[in-house]
Amino acid sequence: MVKYAVLILILLDVILNVTGQLSLKYGMARIGNFSISLATLPPVFLKAATNFYVLLGLVCYGMGFMVWLIVLSKAEVSYAYPLISLGYVFTAILARAMFGEAVSVTRMVGIMVTCLGVFLIARS
């Protein structure tokens, strides 16, 4: 039973991290394009600090961190940490769906290899 609870917590952590990453991306996209210089960064950081989606992303990361602490108390890190790579899979798929990002054949093959690795680890 503990193994399934740990898997559920790991999946929850992955979901929170993916949601956080996509929220940050969406929030920064709403801020718009800007040049990177010492003069432009403070106003951009201020806009980011008051952007709902950026704040949502940070909250998701914080909650994911708390879930991850519970996972680490219940599972071997050599088992749990590789399963976090599912976040790369979900993020790539959702980034394509939500933002129209290019996901090449090479990336898709990498995603499939990652999924195979996660499957093998989860069975151990």
PDB file of N, CA and C in Angstrom:
ATOM      1  N   MET A   1       0.821  -1.208   0.000  1.00  0.00           N
ATOM      2  CA  MET A   1       0.000   0.000   0.000  1.00  0.00           C
ATOM      3  C   MET A   1       0.855   1.257   0.000  1.00  0.00           C
ATOM      4  N   VAL A   2       1.976   1.201   0.756  1.00  0.00           N
ATOM      5  CA  VAL A   2       2.848   2.368   0.836  1.00  0.00           C
ATOM      6  C   VAL A   2       3.425   2.696  -0.534  1.00  0.00           C
ATOM      7  N   LYS A   3       3.762   1.643  -1.323  1.00  0.00           N
ATOM      8  CA  LYS A   3       4.326   1.875  -2.643  1.00  0.00           C
ATOM      9  C   LYS A   3       3.345   2.646  -3.533  1.00  0.00           C
ATOM     10  N   TYR A   4       2.064   2.291  -3.472  1.00  0.00           N
ATOM     11  CA  TYR A   4       1.073   2.998  -4.287  1.00  0.00           C
ATOM     12  C   TYR A   4       0.871   4.427  -3.792  1.00  0.00           C
ATOM     13  N   ALA A   5       0.897   4.612  -2.496  1.00  0.00           N
ATOM     14  CA  ALA A   5       0.759   5.965  -1.939  1.00  0.00           C
ATOM     15  C   ALA A   5       1.942   6.828  -2.380  1.00  0.00           C
ATOM     16  N   VAL A   6       3.138   6.252  -2.379  1.00  0.00           N
ATOM     17  CA  VAL A   6       4.320   6.995  -2.823  1.00  0.00           C
ATOM     18  C   VAL A   6       4.211   7.333  -4.301  1.00  0.00           C
ATOM     19  N   LEU A   7       3.755   6.384  -5.104  1.00  0.00           N
ATOM     20  CA  LEU A   7       3.575   6.656  -6.542  1.00  0.00           C
ATOM     21  C   LEU A   7       2.561   7.769  -6.768  1.00  0.00           C
ATOM     22  N   ILE A   8       1.492   7.771  -5.995  1.00  0.00           N
ATOM     23  CA  ILE A   8       0.481   8.833  -6.121  1.00  0.00           C
ATOM     24  C   ILE A   8       1.084  10.174  -5.723  1.00  0.00           C
ATOM     25  N   LEU A   9       1.873  10.195  -4.659  1.00  0.00           N
ATOM     26  CA  LEU A   9       2.514  11.441  -4.237  1.00  0.00           C
ATOM     27  C   LEU A   9       3.516  11.926  -5.281  1.00  0.00           C
ATOM     28  N   ILE A  10       4.254  11.006  -5.873  1.00  0.00           N
ATOM     29  CA  ILE A  10       5.199  11.388  -6.937  1.00  0.00           C
ATOM     30  C   ILE A  10       4.433  11.968  -8.120  1.00  0.00           C
ATOM     31  N   LEU A  11       3.340  11.339  -8.501  1.00  0.00           N
ATOM     32  CA  LEU A  11       2.530  11.852  -9.603  1.00  0.00           C
ATOM     33  C   LEU A  11       1.964  13.227  -9.255  1.00  0.00           C
ATOM     34  N   LEU A  12       1.524  13.420  -8.016  1.00  0.00           N
ATOM     35  CA  LEU A  12       1.041  14.732  -7.583  1.00  0.00           C
ATOM     36  C   LEU A  12       2.155  15.772  -7.689  1.00  0.00           C
ATOM     37  N   ASP A  13       3.358  15.400  -7.280  1.00  0.00           N
ATOM     38  CA  ASP A  13       4.496  16.307  -7.398  1.00  0.00           C
ATOM     39  C   ASP A  13       4.768  16.663  -8.855  1.00  0.00           C
ATOM     40  N   VAL A  14       4.713  15.671  -9.725  1.00  0.00           N
ATOM     41  CA  VAL A  14       4.917  15.912 -11.161  1.00  0.00           C
ATOM     42  C   VAL A  14       3.850  16.871 -11.685  1.00  0.00           C
ATOM     43  N   ILE A  15       2.601  16.638 -11.322  1.00  0.00           N
ATOM     44  CA  ILE A  15       1.508  17.500 -11.791  1.00  0.00           C
ATOM     45  C   ILE A  15       1.711  18.932 -11.301  1.00  0.00           C
ATOM     46  N   LEU A  16       2.086  19.087 -10.042  1.00  0.00           N
ATOM     47  CA  LEU A  16       2.318  20.430  -9.503  1.00  0.00           C
ATOM     48  C   LEU A  16       3.476  21.122 -10.210  1.00  0.00           C
ATOM     49  N   ASN A  17       4.545  20.375 -10.489  1.00  0.00           N
ATOM     50  CA  ASN A  17       5.691  20.971 -11.172  1.00  0.00           C
ATOM     51  C   ASN A  17       5.375  21.332 -12.622  1.00  0.00           C
ATOM     52  N   VAL A  18       4.648  20.471 -13.315  1.00  0.00           N
ATOM     53  CA  VAL A  18       4.256  20.765 -14.698  1.00  0.00           C
ATOM     54  C   VAL A  18       3.323  21.971 -14.723  1.00  0.00           C
ATOM     55  N   THR A  19       2.358  21.998 -13.827  1.00  0.00           N
ATOM     56  CA  THR A  19       1.440  23.135 -13.744  1.00  0.00           C
ATOM     57  C   THR A  19       2.208  24.411 -13.436  1.00  0.00           C
ATOM     58  N   GLY A  20       3.158  24.312 -12.519  1.00  0.00           N
ATOM     59  CA  GLY A  20       3.982  25.474 -12.188  1.00  0.00           C
ATOM     60  C   GLY A  20       4.775  25.975 -13.380  1.00  0.00           C
ATOM     61  N   GLN A  21       5.408  25.057 -14.098  1.00  0.00           N
ATOM     62  CA  GLN A  21       6.223  25.451 -15.255  1.00  0.00           C
ATOM     63  C   GLN A  21       5.369  26.098 -16.345  1.00  0.00           C
ATOM     64  N   LEU A  22       4.225  25.501 -16.638  1.00  0.00           N
ATOM     65  CA  LEU A  22       3.357  26.042 -17.681  1.00  0.00           C
ATOM     66  C   LEU A  22       2.734  27.368 -17.252  1.00  0.00           C
ATOM     67  N   SER A  23       2.426  27.509 -15.969  1.00  0.00           N
ATOM     68  CA  SER A  23       1.903  28.785 -15.469  1.00  0.00           C
ATOM     69  C   SER A  23       2.953  29.882 -15.578  1.00  0.00           C
ATOM     70  N   LEU A  24       4.185  29.561 -15.227  1.00  0.00           N
ATOM     71  CA  LEU A  24       5.268  30.542 -15.363  1.00  0.00           C
ATOM     72  C   LEU A  24       5.433  30.961 -16.821  1.00  0.00           C
ATOM     73  N   LYS A  25       5.409  29.993 -17.716  1.00  0.00           N
ATOM     74  CA  LYS A  25       5.552  30.282 -19.147  1.00  0.00           C
ATOM     75  C   LYS A  25       4.414  31.179 -19.623  1.00  0.00           C
ATOM     76  N   TYR A  26       3.200  30.837 -19.236  1.00  0.00           N
ATOM     77  CA  TYR A  26       2.044  31.625 -19.663  1.00  0.00           C
ATOM     78  C   TYR A  26       2.112  33.042 -19.092  1.00  0.00           C
ATOM     79  N   GLY A  27       2.452  33.138 -17.832  1.00  0.00           N
ATOM     80  CA  GLY A  27       2.565  34.456 -17.206  1.00  0.00           C
ATOM     81  C   GLY A  27       3.622  35.320 -17.869  1.00  0.00           C
ATOM     82  N   MET A  28       4.764  34.749 -18.162  1.00  0.00           N
ATOM     83  CA  MET A  28       5.828  35.522 -18.809  1.00  0.00           C
ATOM     84  C   MET A  28       5.467  35.865 -20.248  1.00  0.00           C
ATOM     85  N   ALA A  29       4.720  34.989 -20.910  1.00  0.00           N
ATOM     86  CA  ALA A  29       4.261  35.305 -22.266  1.00  0.00           C
ATOM     87  C   ALA A  29       3.303  36.493 -22.238  1.00  0.00           C
ATOM     88  N   ARG A  30       2.502  36.597 -21.190  1.00  0.00           N
ATOM     89  CA  ARG A  30       1.575  37.735 -21.066  1.00  0.00           C
ATOM     90  C   ARG A  30       2.322  39.033 -20.784  1.00  0.00           C
ATOM     91  N   ILE A  31       3.465  38.934 -20.131  1.00  0.00           N
ATOM     92  CA  ILE A  31       4.281  40.129 -19.898  1.00  0.00           C
ATOM     93  C   ILE A  31       4.841  40.636 -21.215  1.00  0.00           C
ATOM     94  N   GLY A  32       5.168  39.716 -22.108  1.00  0.00           N
ATOM     95  CA  GLY A  32       5.620  40.110 -23.443  1.00  0.00           C
ATOM     96  C   GLY A  32       7.128  40.093 -23.588  1.00  0.00           C
ATOM     97  N   ASN A  33       7.541  40.387 -24.789  1.00  0.00           N
ATOM     98  CA  ASN A  33       8.961  40.372 -25.130  1.00  0.00           C
ATOM     99  C   ASN A  33       9.647  41.591 -24.522  1.00  0.00           C
ATOM    100  N   PHE A  34      10.875  41.391 -24.074  1.00  0.00           N
ATOM    101  CA  PHE A  34      11.652  42.491 -23.508  1.00  0.00           C
ATOM    102  C   PHE A  34      13.128  42.215 -23.750  1.00  0.00           C
ATOM    103  N   SER A  35      13.900  43.280 -23.760  1.00  0.00           N
ATOM    104  CA  SER A  35      15.339  43.102 -23.929  1.00  0.00           C
ATOM    105  C   SER A  35      15.952  42.792 -22.560  1.00  0.00           C
ATOM    106  N   ILE A  36      17.028  42.059 -22.589  1.00  0.00           N
ATOM    107  CA  ILE A  36      17.694  41.689 -21.348  1.00  0.00           C
ATOM    108  C   ILE A  36      18.834  42.659 -21.095  1.00  0.00           C
ATOM    109  N   SER A  37      18.628  43.526 -20.127  1.00  0.00           N
ATOM    110  CA  SER A  37      19.660  44.475 -19.711  1.00  0.00           C
ATOM    111  C   SER A  37      19.400  44.847 -18.263  1.00  0.00           C
ATOM    112  N   LEU A  38      20.379  45.417 -17.619  1.00  0.00           N
ATOM    113  CA  LEU A  38      20.214  45.827 -16.224  1.00  0.00           C
ATOM    114  C   LEU A  38      19.091  46.843 -16.062  1.00  0.00           C
ATOM    115  N   ALA A  39      18.861  47.660 -17.066  1.00  0.00           N
ATOM    116  CA  ALA A  39      17.823  48.693 -16.976  1.00  0.00           C
ATOM    117  C   ALA A  39      16.415  48.103 -17.124  1.00  0.00           C
ATOM    118  N   THR A  40      16.261  47.056 -17.935  1.00  0.00           N
ATOM    119  CA  THR A  40      14.913  46.533 -18.194  1.00  0.00           C
ATOM    120  C   THR A  40      14.489  45.449 -17.207  1.00  0.00           C
ATOM    121  N   LEU A  41      15.436  44.801 -16.557  1.00  0.00           N
ATOM    122  CA  LEU A  41      15.072  43.676 -15.698  1.00  0.00           C
ATOM    123  C   LEU A  41      14.264  44.061 -14.452  1.00  0.00           C
ATOM    124  N   PRO A  42      14.592  45.122 -13.722  1.00  0.00           N
ATOM    125  CA  PRO A  42      13.755  45.439 -12.541  1.00  0.00           C
ATOM    126  C   PRO A  42      12.275  45.639 -12.862  1.00  0.00           C
ATOM    127  N   PRO A  43      11.914  46.393 -13.920  1.00  0.00           N
ATOM    128  CA  PRO A  43      10.472  46.498 -14.220  1.00  0.00           C
ATOM    129  C   PRO A  43       9.849  45.161 -14.629  1.00  0.00           C
ATOM    130  N   VAL A  44      10.618  44.341 -15.320  1.00  0.00           N
ATOM    131  CA  VAL A  44      10.103  43.025 -15.723  1.00  0.00           C
ATOM    132  C   VAL A  44       9.874  42.163 -14.485  1.00  0.00           C
ATOM    133  N   PHE A  45      10.814  42.160 -13.554  1.00  0.00           N
ATOM    134  CA  PHE A  45      10.649  41.388 -12.328  1.00  0.00           C
ATOM    135  C   PHE A  45       9.458  41.894 -11.525  1.00  0.00           C
ATOM    136  N   LEU A  46       9.230  43.187 -11.520  1.00  0.00           N
ATOM    137  CA  LEU A  46       8.069  43.745 -10.822  1.00  0.00           C
ATOM    138  C   LEU A  46       6.772  43.278 -11.470  1.00  0.00           C
ATOM    139  N   LYS A  47       6.739  43.301 -12.805  1.00  0.00           N
ATOM    140  CA  LYS A  47       5.556  42.794 -13.515  1.00  0.00           C
ATOM    141  C   LYS A  47       5.352  41.310 -13.221  1.00  0.00           C
ATOM    142  N   ALA A  48       6.444  40.550 -13.205  1.00  0.00           N
ATOM    143  CA  ALA A  48       6.344  39.111 -12.931  1.00  0.00           C
ATOM    144  C   ALA A  48       5.850  38.868 -11.506  1.00  0.00           C
ATOM    145  N   ALA A  49       6.331  39.667 -10.567  1.00  0.00           N
ATOM    146  CA  ALA A  49       5.956  39.494  -9.163  1.00  0.00           C
ATOM    147  C   ALA A  49       4.498  39.827  -8.900  1.00  0.00           C
ATOM    148  N   THR A  50       3.858  40.520  -9.818  1.00  0.00           N
ATOM    149  CA  THR A  50       2.448  40.881  -9.651  1.00  0.00           C
ATOM    150  C   THR A  50       1.545  40.176 -10.671  1.00  0.00           C
ATOM    151  N   ASN A  51       2.125  39.272 -11.451  1.00  0.00           N
ATOM    152  CA  ASN A  51       1.363  38.538 -12.455  1.00  0.00           C
ATOM    153  C   ASN A  51       0.743  37.296 -11.809  1.00  0.00           C
ATOM    154  N   PHE A  52      -0.560  37.141 -11.944  1.00  0.00           N
ATOM    155  CA  PHE A  52      -1.273  36.021 -11.328  1.00  0.00           C
ATOM    156  C   PHE A  52      -0.676  34.679 -11.720  1.00  0.00           C
ATOM    157  N   TYR A  53      -0.381  34.485 -12.998  1.00  0.00           N
ATOM    158  CA  TYR A  53       0.089  33.191 -13.478  1.00  0.00           C
ATOM    159  C   TYR A  53       1.504  32.877 -12.994  1.00  0.00           C
ATOM    160  N   VAL A  54       2.339  33.884 -12.891  1.00  0.00           N
ATOM    161  CA  VAL A  54       3.677  33.681 -12.328  1.00  0.00           C
ATOM    162  C   VAL A  54       3.548  33.300 -10.853  1.00  0.00           C
ATOM    163  N   LEU A  55       2.692  34.000 -10.132  1.00  0.00           N
ATOM    164  CA  LEU A  55       2.481  33.680  -8.716  1.00  0.00           C
ATOM    165  C   LEU A  55       1.884  32.283  -8.549  1.00  0.00           C
ATOM    166  N   LEU A  56       0.952  31.918  -9.415  1.00  0.00           N
ATOM    167  CA  LEU A  56       0.383  30.568  -9.386  1.00  0.00           C
ATOM    168  C   LEU A  56       1.476  29.519  -9.608  1.00  0.00           C
ATOM    169  N   GLY A  57       2.354  29.788 -10.559  1.00  0.00           N
ATOM    170  CA  GLY A  57       3.455  28.865 -10.816  1.00  0.00           C
ATOM    171  C   GLY A  57       4.350  28.698  -9.602  1.00  0.00           C
ATOM    172  N   LEU A  58       4.640  29.790  -8.917  1.00  0.00           N
ATOM    173  CA  LEU A  58       5.469  29.718  -7.716  1.00  0.00           C
ATOM    174  C   LEU A  58       4.770  28.958  -6.595  1.00  0.00           C
ATOM    175  N   VAL A  59       3.476  29.154  -6.454  1.00  0.00           N
ATOM    176  CA  VAL A  59       2.709  28.413  -5.439  1.00  0.00           C
ATOM    177  C   VAL A  59       2.734  26.912  -5.753  1.00  0.00           C
ATOM    178  N   CYS A  60       2.561  26.573  -7.028  1.00  0.00           N
ATOM    179  CA  CYS A  60       2.615  25.158  -7.430  1.00  0.00           C
ATOM    180  C   CYS A  60       3.976  24.553  -7.110  1.00  0.00           C
ATOM    181  N   TYR A  61       5.043  25.288  -7.402  1.00  0.00           N
ATOM    182  CA  TYR A  61       6.383  24.799  -7.070  1.00  0.00           C
ATOM    183  C   TYR A  61       6.546  24.614  -5.572  1.00  0.00           C
ATOM    184  N   GLY A  62       6.031  25.546  -4.783  1.00  0.00           N
ATOM    185  CA  GLY A  62       6.128  25.434  -3.328  1.00  0.00           C
ATOM    186  C   GLY A  62       5.379  24.218  -2.800  1.00  0.00           C
ATOM    187  N   MET A  63       4.169  24.000  -3.309  1.00  0.00           N
ATOM    188  CA  MET A  63       3.399  22.832  -2.879  1.00  0.00           C
ATOM    189  C   MET A  63       4.075  21.541  -3.343  1.00  0.00           C
ATOM    190  N   GLY A  64       4.628  21.564  -4.548  1.00  0.00           N
ATOM    191  CA  GLY A  64       5.355  20.401  -5.041  1.00  0.00           C
ATOM    192  C   GLY A  64       6.557  20.079  -4.172  1.00  0.00           C
ATOM    193  N   PHE A  65       7.240  21.115  -3.698  1.00  0.00           N
ATOM    194  CA  PHE A  65       8.381  20.925  -2.806  1.00  0.00           C
ATOM    195  C   PHE A  65       7.948  20.236  -1.513  1.00  0.00           C
ATOM    196  N   MET A  66       6.815  20.653  -0.964  1.00  0.00           N
ATOM    197  CA  MET A  66       6.316  20.040   0.267  1.00  0.00           C
ATOM    198  C   MET A  66       5.942  18.568   0.029  1.00  0.00           C
ATOM    199  N   VAL A  67       5.303  18.289  -1.085  1.00  0.00           N
ATOM    200  CA  VAL A  67       4.969  16.899  -1.432  1.00  0.00           C
ATOM    201  C   VAL A  67       6.243  16.083  -1.599  1.00  0.00           C
ATOM    202  N   TRP A  68       7.247  16.675  -2.247  1.00  0.00           N
ATOM    203  CA  TRP A  68       8.503  15.971  -2.482  1.00  0.00           C
ATOM    204  C   TRP A  68       9.188  15.610  -1.169  1.00  0.00           C
ATOM    205  N   LEU A  69       9.112  16.475  -0.172  1.00  0.00           N
ATOM    206  CA  LEU A  69       9.687  16.151   1.134  1.00  0.00           C
ATOM    207  C   LEU A  69       9.030  14.909   1.725  1.00  0.00           C
ATOM    208  N   ILE A  70       7.723  14.792   1.563  1.00  0.00           N
ATOM    209  CA  ILE A  70       7.019  13.600   2.051  1.00  0.00           C
ATOM    210  C   ILE A  70       7.498  12.367   1.284  1.00  0.00           C
ATOM    211  N   VAL A  71       7.631  12.494  -0.037  1.00  0.00           N
ATOM    212  CA  VAL A  71       8.109  11.372  -0.864  1.00  0.00           C
ATOM    213  C   VAL A  71       9.479  10.920  -0.380  1.00  0.00           C
ATOM    214  N   LEU A  72      10.373  11.867  -0.151  1.00  0.00           N
ATOM    215  CA  LEU A  72      11.730  11.512   0.268  1.00  0.00           C
ATOM    216  C   LEU A  72      11.753  10.812   1.622  1.00  0.00           C
ATOM    217  N   SER A  73      10.761  11.088   2.455  1.00  0.00           N
ATOM    218  CA  SER A  73      10.714  10.426   3.757  1.00  0.00           C
ATOM    219  C   SER A  73      10.191   8.995   3.641  1.00  0.00           C
ATOM    220  N   LYS A  74       9.570   8.651   2.516  1.00  0.00           N
ATOM    221  CA  LYS A  74       8.931   7.342   2.363  1.00  0.00           C
ATOM    222  C   LYS A  74       9.573   6.437   1.315  1.00  0.00           C
ATOM    223  N   ALA A  75      10.410   6.998   0.448  1.00  0.00           N
ATOM    224  CA  ALA A  75      10.944   6.200  -0.659  1.00  0.00           C
ATOM    225  C   ALA A  75      12.432   6.466  -0.846  1.00  0.00           C
ATOM    226  N   GLU A  76      13.101   5.507  -1.471  1.00  0.00           N
ATOM    227  CA  GLU A  76      14.506   5.700  -1.831  1.00  0.00           C
ATOM    228  C   GLU A  76      14.582   6.746  -2.930  1.00  0.00           C
ATOM    229  N   VAL A  77      15.533   7.646  -2.796  1.00  0.00           N
ATOM    230  CA  VAL A  77      15.675   8.710  -3.796  1.00  0.00           C
ATOM    231  C   VAL A  77      16.064   8.126  -5.151  1.00  0.00           C
ATOM    232  N   SER A  78      16.781   7.013  -5.170  1.00  0.00           N
ATOM    233  CA  SER A  78      17.169   6.384  -6.435  1.00  0.00           C
ATOM    234  C   SER A  78      15.965   5.794  -7.158  1.00  0.00           C
ATOM    235  N   TYR A  79      14.876   5.563  -6.443  1.00  0.00           N
ATOM    236  CA  TYR A  79      13.622   5.114  -7.048  1.00  0.00           C
ATOM    237  C   TYR A  79      12.752   6.312  -7.426  1.00  0.00           C
ATOM    238  N   ALA A  80      12.603   7.237  -6.501  1.00  0.00           N
ATOM    239  CA  ALA A  80      11.648   8.336  -6.678  1.00  0.00           C
ATOM    240  C   ALA A  80      12.108   9.378  -7.695  1.00  0.00           C
ATOM    241  N   TYR A  81      13.367   9.782  -7.617  1.00  0.00           N
ATOM    242  CA  TYR A  81      13.811  10.904  -8.446  1.00  0.00           C
ATOM    243  C   TYR A  81      13.708  10.641  -9.943  1.00  0.00           C
ATOM    244  N   PRO A  82      14.091   9.462 -10.430  1.00  0.00           N
ATOM    245  CA  PRO A  82      13.921   9.241 -11.880  1.00  0.00           C
ATOM    246  C   PRO A  82      12.471   9.342 -12.345  1.00  0.00           C
ATOM    247  N   LEU A  83      11.520   9.047 -11.475  1.00  0.00           N
ATOM    248  CA  LEU A  83      10.118   9.138 -11.874  1.00  0.00           C
ATOM    249  C   LEU A  83       9.686  10.579 -12.120  1.00  0.00           C
ATOM    250  N   ILE A  84      10.427  11.518 -11.552  1.00  0.00           N
ATOM    251  CA  ILE A  84      10.132  12.937 -11.771  1.00  0.00           C
ATOM    252  C   ILE A  84      10.303  13.294 -13.250  1.00  0.00           C
ATOM    253  N   SER A  85      11.076  12.488 -13.988  1.00  0.00           N
ATOM    254  CA  SER A  85      11.279  12.781 -15.408  1.00  0.00           C
ATOM    255  C   SER A  85       9.977  12.715 -16.198  1.00  0.00           C
ATOM    256  N   LEU A  86       8.925  12.166 -15.619  1.00  0.00           N
ATOM    257  CA  LEU A  86       7.626  12.225 -16.284  1.00  0.00           C
ATOM    258  C   LEU A  86       7.198  13.673 -16.508  1.00  0.00           C
ATOM    259  N   GLY A  87       7.679  14.559 -15.671  1.00  0.00           N
ATOM    260  CA  GLY A  87       7.380  15.977 -15.849  1.00  0.00           C
ATOM    261  C   GLY A  87       7.874  16.493 -17.185  1.00  0.00           C
ATOM    262  N   TYR A  88       9.031  16.013 -17.640  1.00  0.00           N
ATOM    263  CA  TYR A  88       9.553  16.428 -18.944  1.00  0.00           C
ATOM    264  C   TYR A  88       8.606  15.995 -20.055  1.00  0.00           C
ATOM    265  N   VAL A  89       8.069  14.799 -19.905  1.00  0.00           N
ATOM    266  CA  VAL A  89       7.154  14.258 -20.913  1.00  0.00           C
ATOM    267  C   VAL A  89       5.883  15.105 -20.974  1.00  0.00           C
ATOM    268  N   PHE A  90       5.249  15.284 -19.815  1.00  0.00           N
ATOM    269  CA  PHE A  90       3.992  16.034 -19.774  1.00  0.00           C
ATOM    270  C   PHE A  90       4.182  17.490 -20.185  1.00  0.00           C
ATOM    271  N   THR A  91       5.300  18.081 -19.767  1.00  0.00           N
ATOM    272  CA  THR A  91       5.562  19.482 -20.108  1.00  0.00           C
ATOM    273  C   THR A  91       5.723  19.647 -21.614  1.00  0.00           C
ATOM    274  N   ALA A  92       6.460  18.749 -22.253  1.00  0.00           N
ATOM    275  CA  ALA A  92       6.662  18.847 -23.700  1.00  0.00           C
ATOM    276  C   ALA A  92       5.341  18.689 -24.449  1.00  0.00           C
ATOM    277  N   ILE A  93       4.547  17.723 -24.042  1.00  0.00           N
ATOM    278  CA  ILE A  93       3.266  17.489 -24.720  1.00  0.00           C
ATOM    279  C   ILE A  93       2.328  18.678 -24.528  1.00  0.00           C
ATOM    280  N   LEU A  94       2.218  19.158 -23.293  1.00  0.00           N
ATOM    281  CA  LEU A  94       1.317  20.284 -23.017  1.00  0.00           C
ATOM    282  C   LEU A  94       1.829  21.594 -23.606  1.00  0.00           C
ATOM    283  N   ALA A  95       3.153  21.777 -23.661  1.00  0.00           N
ATOM    284  CA  ALA A  95       3.695  22.988 -24.279  1.00  0.00           C
ATOM    285  C   ALA A  95       3.346  23.025 -25.768  1.00  0.00           C
ATOM    286  N   ARG A  96       3.368  21.875 -26.390  1.00  0.00           N
ATOM    287  CA  ARG A  96       2.961  21.816 -27.810  1.00  0.00           C
ATOM    288  C   ARG A  96       1.475  22.141 -27.950  1.00  0.00           C
ATOM    289  N   ALA A  97       0.660  21.545 -27.081  1.00  0.00           N
ATOM    290  CA  ALA A  97      -0.787  21.750 -27.168  1.00  0.00           C
ATOM    291  C   ALA A  97      -1.193  23.173 -26.795  1.00  0.00           C
ATOM    292  N   MET A  98      -0.588  23.731 -25.748  1.00  0.00           N
ATOM    293  CA  MET A  98      -1.018  25.031 -25.238  1.00  0.00           C
ATOM    294  C   MET A  98      -0.350  26.214 -25.926  1.00  0.00           C
ATOM    295  N   PHE A  99       0.931  26.058 -26.259  1.00  0.00           N
ATOM    296  CA  PHE A  99       1.698  27.191 -26.777  1.00  0.00           C
ATOM    297  C   PHE A  99       2.145  27.005 -28.221  1.00  0.00           C
ATOM    298  N   GLY A 100       1.812  25.859 -28.811  1.00  0.00           N
ATOM    299  CA  GLY A 100       2.209  25.614 -30.191  1.00  0.00           C
ATOM    300  C   GLY A 100       3.706  25.423 -30.365  1.00  0.00           C
ATOM    301  N   GLU A 101       4.388  25.004 -29.298  1.00  0.00           N
ATOM    302  CA  GLU A 101       5.837  24.815 -29.391  1.00  0.00           C
ATOM    303  C   GLU A 101       6.154  23.619 -30.283  1.00  0.00           C
ATOM    304  N   ALA A 102       7.261  23.708 -30.984  1.00  0.00           N
ATOM    305  CA  ALA A 102       7.682  22.638 -31.878  1.00  0.00           C
ATOM    306  C   ALA A 102       8.224  21.470 -31.057  1.00  0.00           C
ATOM    307  N   VAL A 103       7.690  20.283 -31.328  1.00  0.00           N
ATOM    308  CA  VAL A 103       8.200  19.065 -30.703  1.00  0.00           C
ATOM    309  C   VAL A 103       8.616  18.159 -31.858  1.00  0.00           C
ATOM    310  N   SER A 104       9.910  18.149 -32.116  1.00  0.00           N
ATOM    311  CA  SER A 104      10.438  17.421 -33.272  1.00  0.00           C
ATOM    312  C   SER A 104      10.399  15.914 -33.041  1.00  0.00           C
ATOM    313  N   VAL A 105      10.680  15.171 -34.099  1.00  0.00           N
ATOM    314  CA  VAL A 105      10.738  13.709 -34.019  1.00  0.00           C
ATOM    315  C   VAL A 105      11.811  13.297 -33.013  1.00  0.00           C
ATOM    316  N   THR A 106      12.930  13.990 -33.024  1.00  0.00           N
ATOM    317  CA  THR A 106      14.008  13.670 -32.086  1.00  0.00           C
ATOM    318  C   THR A 106      13.529  13.844 -30.641  1.00  0.00           C
ATOM    319  N   ARG A 107      12.797  14.908 -30.371  1.00  0.00           N
ATOM    320  CA  ARG A 107      12.260  15.116 -29.020  1.00  0.00           C
ATOM    321  C   ARG A 107      11.257  14.019 -28.671  1.00  0.00           C
ATOM    322  N   MET A 108      10.415  13.650 -29.627  1.00  0.00           N
ATOM    323  CA  MET A 108       9.430  12.601 -29.366  1.00  0.00           C
ATOM    324  C   MET A 108      10.114  11.269 -29.054  1.00  0.00           C
ATOM    325  N   VAL A 109      11.186  10.957 -29.769  1.00  0.00           N
ATOM    326  CA  VAL A 109      11.937   9.728 -29.477  1.00  0.00           C
ATOM    327  C   VAL A 109      12.514   9.804 -28.068  1.00  0.00           C
ATOM    328  N   GLY A 110      13.059  10.956 -27.713  1.00  0.00           N
ATOM    329  CA  GLY A 110      13.581  11.139 -26.359  1.00  0.00           C
ATOM    330  C   GLY A 110      12.499  10.964 -25.310  1.00  0.00           C
ATOM    331  N   ILE A 111      11.316  11.471 -25.579  1.00  0.00           N
ATOM    332  CA  ILE A 111      10.188  11.314 -24.663  1.00  0.00           C
ATOM    333  C   ILE A 111       9.827   9.837 -24.519  1.00  0.00           C
ATOM    334  N   MET A 112       9.813   9.105 -25.619  1.00  0.00           N
ATOM    335  CA  MET A 112       9.496   7.676 -25.556  1.00  0.00           C
ATOM    336  C   MET A 112      10.556   6.915 -24.763  1.00  0.00           C
ATOM    337  N   VAL A 113      11.824   7.248 -24.955  1.00  0.00           N
ATOM    338  CA  VAL A 113      12.898   6.608 -24.189  1.00  0.00           C
ATOM    339  C   VAL A 113      12.728   6.907 -22.702  1.00  0.00           C
ATOM    340  N   THR A 114      12.380   8.146 -22.383  1.00  0.00           N
ATOM    341  CA  THR A 114      12.132   8.527 -20.996  1.00  0.00           C
ATOM    342  C   THR A 114      10.986   7.713 -20.410  1.00  0.00           C
ATOM    343  N   CYS A 115       9.917   7.564 -21.165  1.00  0.00           N
ATOM    344  CA  CYS A 115       8.767   6.780 -20.695  1.00  0.00           C
ATOM    345  C   CYS A 115       9.159   5.322 -20.443  1.00  0.00           C
ATOM    346  N   LEU A 116       9.968   4.765 -21.319  1.00  0.00           N
ATOM    347  CA  LEU A 116      10.432   3.392 -21.125  1.00  0.00           C
ATOM    348  C   LEU A 116      11.248   3.295 -19.840  1.00  0.00           C
ATOM    349  N   GLY A 117      12.134   4.235 -19.616  1.00  0.00           N
ATOM    350  CA  GLY A 117      12.942   4.242 -18.401  1.00  0.00           C
ATOM    351  C   GLY A 117      12.084   4.357 -17.155  1.00  0.00           C
ATOM    352  N   VAL A 118      11.098   5.225 -17.185  1.00  0.00           N
ATOM    353  CA  VAL A 118      10.189   5.392 -16.042  1.00  0.00           C
ATOM    354  C   VAL A 118       9.425   4.089 -15.791  1.00  0.00           C
ATOM    355  N   PHE A 119       8.974   3.456 -16.845  1.00  0.00           N
ATOM    356  CA  PHE A 119       8.265   2.187 -16.699  1.00  0.00           C
ATOM    357  C   PHE A 119       9.148   1.132 -16.018  1.00  0.00           C
ATOM    358  N   LEU A 120      10.392   1.032 -16.453  1.00  0.00           N
ATOM    359  CA  LEU A 120      11.307   0.054 -15.871  1.00  0.00           C
ATOM    360  C   LEU A 120      11.592   0.334 -14.405  1.00  0.00           C
ATOM    361  N   ILE A 121      11.764   1.608 -14.072  1.00  0.00           N
ATOM    362  CA  ILE A 121      12.041   1.981 -12.684  1.00  0.00           C
ATOM    363  C   ILE A 121      10.830   1.710 -11.806  1.00  0.00           C
ATOM    364  N   ALA A 122       9.649   2.046 -12.290  1.00  0.00           N
ATOM    365  CA  ALA A 122       8.425   1.861 -11.508  1.00  0.00           C
ATOM    366  C   ALA A 122       8.171   0.394 -11.215  1.00  0.00           C
ATOM    367  N   ARG A 123       8.624  -0.492 -12.084  1.00  0.00           N
ATOM    368  CA  ARG A 123       8.431  -1.931 -11.881  1.00  0.00           C
ATOM    369  C   ARG A 123       9.410  -2.516 -10.885  1.00  0.00           C
ATOM    370  N   SER A 124      10.456  -1.775 -10.553  1.00  0.00           N
ATOM    371  CA  SER A 124      11.491  -2.341  -9.655  1.00  0.00           C
ATOM    372  C   SER A 124      11.085  -2.259  -8.201  1.00  0.00           C
TER     373      SER A 124
END
